[in-house]
Amino acid sequence: MFSPMLADLTGNLHIGLAAVGSAIGVGIIGMKAAEATGRNPGAAGEIRNMAIIFAALAEGVVFFAIFLAKGQ
């Protein structure tokens, strides 16, 4: 009786944890990119490009979690 409910809960729980972890990761990326730009304003373009790529990779974790949850 509780097994399907528990499976739904754990499926949604791991998606939520992945989203929280991704949000924290993107926040840290933004913080460090701003810090690096402040230290070296001449490299702002390269720092911005790398920060966008790393933020996209961090957000990709949520998509993996969603696809894994739909496969169960």
Protein backbone atom coordinates (compact mmCIF):
# COMPACT_ATOMS: atom_id res chain seq x y z
CA MET A 1 0.00 0.00 0.00
CA PHE A 2 2.73 2.45 0.92
CA SER A 3 5.24 1.21 -1.65
CA PRO A 4 3.89 3.21 -4.67
CA MET A 5 3.52 6.30 -2.50
CA LEU A 6 7.08 5.91 -1.23
CA ALA A 7 8.36 5.44 -4.80
CA ASP A 8 6.64 8.65 -5.90
CA LEU A 9 8.01 10.50 -2.90
CA THR A 10 11.59 9.37 -3.47
CA GLY A 11 11.33 10.17 -7.18
CA ASN A 12 10.21 13.69 -6.48
CA LEU A 13 12.67 14.05 -3.61
CA HIS A 14 15.73 13.37 -5.73
CA ILE A 15 14.56 15.86 -8.36
CA GLY A 16 14.15 18.51 -5.66
CA LEU A 17 17.56 17.78 -4.17
CA ALA A 18 19.15 17.97 -7.62
CA ALA A 19 17.45 21.33 -8.22
CA VAL A 20 18.64 22.71 -4.87
CA GLY A 21 22.17 21.48 -5.51
CA SER A 22 22.15 22.98 -8.98
CA ALA A 23 20.92 26.32 -7.66
CA ILE A 24 23.67 26.38 -5.04
CA GLY A 25 26.25 25.49 -7.70
CA VAL A 26 25.10 28.23 -10.06
CA GLY A 27 25.20 30.72 -7.17
CA ILE A 28 28.77 29.75 -6.34
CA ILE A 29 29.75 30.01 -10.01
CA GLY A 30 28.27 33.51 -10.19
CA MET A 31 29.97 34.55 -6.95
CA LYS A 32 33.37 33.35 -8.09
CA ALA A 33 32.93 34.87 -11.57
CA ALA A 34 32.15 38.25 -10.02
CA GLU A 35 35.16 37.91 -7.72
CA ALA A 36 37.44 36.98 -10.63
CA THR A 37 36.15 39.88 -12.72
CA GLY A 38 36.84 42.24 -9.83
CA ARG A 39 40.39 40.99 -9.57
CA ASN A 40 41.07 41.09 -13.31
CA PRO A 41 38.64 43.32 -15.25
CA GLY A 42 40.53 42.75 -18.49
CA ALA A 43 39.51 39.10 -18.56
CA ALA A 44 35.80 39.79 -17.99
CA GLY A 45 34.73 38.39 -21.36
CA GLU A 46 36.53 35.09 -20.93
CA ILE A 47 35.34 34.76 -17.34
CA ARG A 48 31.73 35.43 -18.39
CA ASN A 49 31.89 32.83 -21.16
CA MET A 50 33.33 30.19 -18.85
CA ALA A 51 30.77 31.01 -16.15
CA ILE A 52 27.89 30.57 -18.62
CA ILE A 53 29.25 27.19 -19.75
CA PHE A 54 29.78 25.96 -16.20
CA ALA A 55 26.33 27.18 -15.12
CA ALA A 56 24.76 25.26 -18.01
CA LEU A 57 26.65 22.12 -16.98
CA ALA A 58 25.49 22.54 -13.36
CA GLU A 59 21.88 22.94 -14.48
CA GLY A 60 22.15 19.85 -16.66
CA VAL A 61 22.16 17.73 -13.50
CA VAL A 62 18.49 18.58 -12.97
CA PHE A 63 17.59 17.30 -16.42
CA PHE A 64 19.33 14.02 -15.71
CA ALA A 65 17.36 13.72 -12.47
CA ILE A 66 14.08 14.41 -14.28
CA PHE A 67 14.79 11.85 -17.00
CA LEU A 68 15.82 9.23 -14.43
CA ALA A 69 12.63 9.83 -12.46
CA LYS A 70 10.47 9.39 -15.58
CA GLY A 71 12.19 6.10 -16.36
CA GLN A 72 11.08 4.47 -13.10
